[in-house]
């Protein structure tokens, strides 16, 4: 009786098992990446941030570029929040 069907086919079970496993793993990775990127808009990779407020974002950018000092940043941020409370 020929178990390998004349082609040495005993090893063919390896790709027959590995290829579907790789496809399933790829689908799972895609789902995980989509779920992670689909979080709330105010949440960045380092945690929550106030990205919905363009004025605050502009102040943060100016501080990061060194255009304003931390004291000026705090003062402008307080003024901004004060104006919103009214």
N, C-alpha and C. Protein backbone atom coordinates (compact mmCIF):
# COMPACT_ATOMS: atom_id res chain seq x y z
N UNK A 1 0.84 -1.18 0.00
CA UNK A 1 0.00 0.00 0.00
C UNK A 1 0.89 1.24 0.00
N UNK A 2 0.52 2.26 -0.82
CA UNK A 2 1.32 3.47 -0.88
C UNK A 2 0.68 4.53 -0.01
N UNK A 3 1.37 4.89 1.05
CA UNK A 3 0.85 5.90 1.96
C UNK A 3 1.10 7.31 1.45
N UNK A 4 2.15 7.51 0.68
CA UNK A 4 2.48 8.86 0.25
C UNK A 4 1.99 9.15 -1.16
N UNK A 5 1.24 8.28 -1.76
CA UNK A 5 0.66 8.45 -3.09
C UNK A 5 1.72 8.70 -4.15
N UNK A 6 2.93 8.27 -3.90
CA UNK A 6 3.98 8.35 -4.88
C UNK A 6 4.66 9.70 -5.01
N UNK A 7 4.26 10.72 -4.27
CA UNK A 7 4.85 12.05 -4.39
C UNK A 7 5.57 12.49 -3.13
N UNK A 8 5.71 11.67 -2.17
CA UNK A 8 6.30 12.08 -0.91
C UNK A 8 5.37 13.07 -0.20
N UNK A 9 4.08 12.87 -0.34
CA UNK A 9 3.08 13.83 0.13
C UNK A 9 2.81 13.82 1.61
N UNK A 10 3.57 13.08 2.39
CA UNK A 10 3.34 13.06 3.84
C UNK A 10 3.51 14.44 4.45
N UNK A 11 4.34 15.29 3.89
CA UNK A 11 4.63 16.61 4.44
C UNK A 11 3.57 17.64 4.05
N UNK A 12 2.64 17.32 3.17
CA UNK A 12 1.65 18.29 2.69
C UNK A 12 0.68 18.74 3.79
N UNK A 13 0.60 18.01 4.86
CA UNK A 13 -0.29 18.43 5.94
C UNK A 13 0.22 19.70 6.61
N UNK A 14 1.54 19.97 6.53
CA UNK A 14 2.12 21.16 7.17
C UNK A 14 1.54 22.44 6.57
N UNK A 15 1.63 22.69 5.26
CA UNK A 15 1.01 23.90 4.72
C UNK A 15 -0.51 23.87 4.82
N UNK A 16 -1.10 22.69 4.78
CA UNK A 16 -2.56 22.59 4.88
C UNK A 16 -3.05 23.05 6.25
N UNK A 17 -2.22 22.97 7.26
CA UNK A 17 -2.58 23.43 8.60
C UNK A 17 -2.10 24.86 8.83
N UNK A 18 -0.88 25.16 8.38
CA UNK A 18 -0.30 26.47 8.66
C UNK A 18 -0.97 27.62 7.90
N UNK A 19 -1.32 27.42 6.65
CA UNK A 19 -1.91 28.52 5.86
C UNK A 19 -3.24 28.98 6.46
N UNK A 20 -4.18 28.10 6.78
CA UNK A 20 -5.41 28.59 7.42
C UNK A 20 -5.15 29.26 8.78
N UNK A 21 -4.18 28.74 9.54
CA UNK A 21 -3.85 29.36 10.82
C UNK A 21 -3.31 30.78 10.61
N UNK A 22 -2.46 30.97 9.61
CA UNK A 22 -1.92 32.30 9.31
C UNK A 22 -3.03 33.26 8.85
N UNK A 23 -3.96 32.77 8.07
CA UNK A 23 -5.07 33.61 7.63
C UNK A 23 -5.93 34.03 8.82
N UNK A 24 -6.24 33.10 9.69
CA UNK A 24 -7.04 33.40 10.88
C UNK A 24 -6.30 34.37 11.79
N UNK A 25 -5.00 34.17 11.99
CA UNK A 25 -4.20 35.09 12.82
C UNK A 25 -4.19 36.49 12.21
N UNK A 26 -4.07 36.59 10.89
CA UNK A 26 -4.11 37.89 10.21
C UNK A 26 -5.43 38.60 10.41
N UNK A 27 -6.52 37.86 10.34
CA UNK A 27 -7.85 38.45 10.56
C UNK A 27 -7.97 38.95 11.99
N UNK A 28 -7.50 38.18 12.94
CA UNK A 28 -7.56 38.58 14.35
C UNK A 28 -6.73 39.84 14.58
N UNK A 29 -5.54 39.91 14.00
CA UNK A 29 -4.68 41.10 14.15
C UNK A 29 -5.38 42.32 13.57
N UNK A 30 -6.00 42.18 12.40
CA UNK A 30 -6.71 43.30 11.77
C UNK A 30 -7.86 43.78 12.66
N UNK A 31 -8.60 42.86 13.24
CA UNK A 31 -9.72 43.24 14.11
C UNK A 31 -9.21 43.98 15.34
N UNK A 32 -8.14 43.47 15.94
CA UNK A 32 -7.56 44.13 17.12
C UNK A 32 -7.10 45.54 16.77
N UNK A 33 -6.42 45.72 15.65
CA UNK A 33 -5.95 47.05 15.24
C UNK A 33 -7.11 47.99 14.96
N UNK A 34 -8.17 47.49 14.35
CA UNK A 34 -9.33 48.33 14.08
C UNK A 34 -10.02 48.75 15.37
N UNK A 35 -10.12 47.83 16.32
CA UNK A 35 -10.76 48.16 17.59
C UNK A 35 -9.94 49.19 18.36
N UNK A 36 -8.63 49.02 18.36
CA UNK A 36 -7.77 49.97 19.07
C UNK A 36 -7.81 51.36 18.45
N UNK A 37 -7.84 51.45 17.14
CA UNK A 37 -7.85 52.77 16.50
C UNK A 37 -9.23 53.40 16.52
N UNK A 38 -10.26 52.65 16.81
CA UNK A 38 -11.61 53.16 16.80
C UNK A 38 -12.08 53.65 18.15
N UNK A 39 -11.17 54.01 19.05
CA UNK A 39 -11.54 54.50 20.37
C UNK A 39 -12.17 55.88 20.29
N UNK A 40 -12.41 56.47 21.42
CA UNK A 40 -13.02 57.79 21.45
C UNK A 40 -12.05 58.80 20.84
N UNK A 41 -12.57 59.86 20.21
CA UNK A 41 -11.69 60.80 19.53
C UNK A 41 -10.75 61.56 20.45
N UNK A 42 -11.07 61.66 21.72
CA UNK A 42 -10.22 62.37 22.65
C UNK A 42 -9.18 61.49 23.32
N UNK A 43 -8.95 60.34 22.76
CA UNK A 43 -8.02 59.41 23.38
C UNK A 43 -6.88 59.11 22.43
N UNK A 44 -5.67 59.40 22.88
CA UNK A 44 -4.49 59.16 22.08
C UNK A 44 -3.78 57.91 22.54
N UNK A 45 -2.64 57.58 21.93
CA UNK A 45 -1.92 56.37 22.32
C UNK A 45 -1.33 56.46 23.72
N UNK A 46 -1.14 57.68 24.24
CA UNK A 46 -0.58 57.82 25.58
C UNK A 46 -1.65 58.08 26.63
N UNK A 47 -2.91 58.11 26.22
CA UNK A 47 -3.98 58.33 27.17
C UNK A 47 -4.90 59.44 26.72
N UNK A 48 -5.83 59.82 27.58
CA UNK A 48 -6.79 60.83 27.19
C UNK A 48 -6.13 62.19 26.98
N UNK A 49 -6.62 62.91 25.99
CA UNK A 49 -6.15 64.26 25.76
C UNK A 49 -7.31 65.07 25.18
N UNK A 50 -7.22 66.36 25.29
CA UNK A 50 -8.30 67.22 24.84
C UNK A 50 -8.03 67.65 23.39
N UNK A 51 -8.21 66.72 22.45
CA UNK A 51 -7.95 67.02 21.06
C UNK A 51 -9.16 67.62 20.36
N UNK A 52 -10.31 67.65 21.03
CA UNK A 52 -11.49 68.20 20.39
C UNK A 52 -11.52 69.72 20.48
N UNK A 53 -10.70 70.32 21.31
CA UNK A 53 -10.68 71.76 21.50
C UNK A 53 -9.51 72.36 20.71
N UNK A 54 -9.81 73.03 19.59
CA UNK A 54 -8.72 73.55 18.77
C UNK A 54 -7.91 74.66 19.46
N UNK A 55 -8.55 75.46 20.30
CA UNK A 55 -7.82 76.54 20.98
C UNK A 55 -6.80 75.96 21.96
N UNK A 56 -7.21 74.95 22.70
CA UNK A 56 -6.29 74.32 23.65
C UNK A 56 -5.15 73.61 22.91
N UNK A 57 -5.51 72.93 21.82
CA UNK A 57 -4.49 72.25 21.02
C UNK A 57 -3.47 73.25 20.48
N UNK A 58 -3.94 74.43 20.05
CA UNK A 58 -3.04 75.46 19.54
C UNK A 58 -2.10 75.94 20.64
N UNK A 59 -2.64 76.13 21.84
CA UNK A 59 -1.79 76.54 22.96
C UNK A 59 -0.72 75.48 23.26
N UNK A 60 -1.13 74.21 23.24
CA UNK A 60 -0.18 73.13 23.50
C UNK A 60 0.92 73.10 22.44
N UNK A 61 0.54 73.34 21.19
CA UNK A 61 1.54 73.35 20.12
C UNK A 61 2.51 74.51 20.29
N UNK A 62 1.98 75.69 20.65
CA UNK A 62 2.85 76.86 20.84
C UNK A 62 3.81 76.62 22.00
N UNK A 63 3.32 75.99 23.06
CA UNK A 63 4.19 75.67 24.20
C UNK A 63 5.27 74.68 23.77
N UNK A 64 4.88 73.67 22.99
CA UNK A 64 5.84 72.66 22.54
C UNK A 64 6.90 73.26 21.63
N UNK A 65 6.53 74.23 20.82
CA UNK A 65 7.50 74.88 19.94
C UNK A 65 8.35 75.91 20.66
N UNK A 66 8.00 76.24 21.88
CA UNK A 66 8.77 77.21 22.66
C UNK A 66 8.37 78.65 22.39
N UNK A 67 7.23 78.85 21.75
CA UNK A 67 6.78 80.20 21.46
C UNK A 67 6.27 80.91 22.71
N UNK A 68 5.76 80.13 23.65
CA UNK A 68 5.29 80.71 24.92
C UNK A 68 5.91 79.93 26.07
N UNK A 69 5.98 80.57 27.22
CA UNK A 69 6.53 79.93 28.41
C UNK A 69 5.42 79.14 29.11
N UNK A 70 5.80 78.23 30.01
CA UNK A 70 4.76 77.50 30.75
C UNK A 70 3.85 78.43 31.55
N UNK A 71 4.39 79.52 32.07
CA UNK A 71 3.56 80.47 32.81
C UNK A 71 2.54 81.13 31.89
N UNK A 72 2.99 81.52 30.70
CA UNK A 72 2.07 82.11 29.72
C UNK A 72 1.01 81.10 29.30
N UNK A 73 1.43 79.85 29.14
CA UNK A 73 0.48 78.79 28.78
C UNK A 73 -0.62 78.67 29.82
N UNK A 74 -0.22 78.59 31.10
CA UNK A 74 -1.21 78.46 32.18
C UNK A 74 -2.14 79.66 32.22
N UNK A 75 -1.57 80.84 32.05
CA UNK A 75 -2.37 82.07 32.08
C UNK A 75 -3.37 82.09 30.92
N UNK A 76 -2.92 81.75 29.73
CA UNK A 76 -3.81 81.74 28.57
C UNK A 76 -4.87 80.64 28.70
N UNK A 77 -4.47 79.51 29.25
CA UNK A 77 -5.42 78.42 29.44
C UNK A 77 -6.49 78.80 30.46
N UNK A 78 -6.08 79.46 31.54
CA UNK A 78 -7.06 79.94 32.53
C UNK A 78 -8.02 80.93 31.90
N UNK A 79 -7.49 81.84 31.08
CA UNK A 79 -8.34 82.83 30.41
C UNK A 79 -9.30 82.13 29.47
N UNK A 80 -8.84 81.13 28.77
CA UNK A 80 -9.67 80.39 27.85
C UNK A 80 -10.81 79.67 28.59
N UNK A 81 -10.49 79.02 29.69
CA UNK A 81 -11.50 78.29 30.46
C UNK A 81 -12.47 79.26 31.14
N UNK A 82 -11.97 80.40 31.56
CA UNK A 82 -12.81 81.42 32.18
C UNK A 82 -13.86 81.91 31.18
N UNK A 83 -13.44 82.13 29.97
CA UNK A 83 -14.35 82.60 28.92
C UNK A 83 -15.41 81.57 28.60
N UNK A 84 -15.10 80.31 28.74
CA UNK A 84 -16.08 79.25 28.44
C UNK A 84 -17.09 79.08 29.56
N UNK A 85 -16.72 79.43 30.78
CA UNK A 85 -17.64 79.28 31.92
C UNK A 85 -18.75 80.30 31.88
N UNK A 86 -18.51 81.40 31.20
CA UNK A 86 -19.54 82.47 31.17
C UNK A 86 -20.69 82.13 30.31
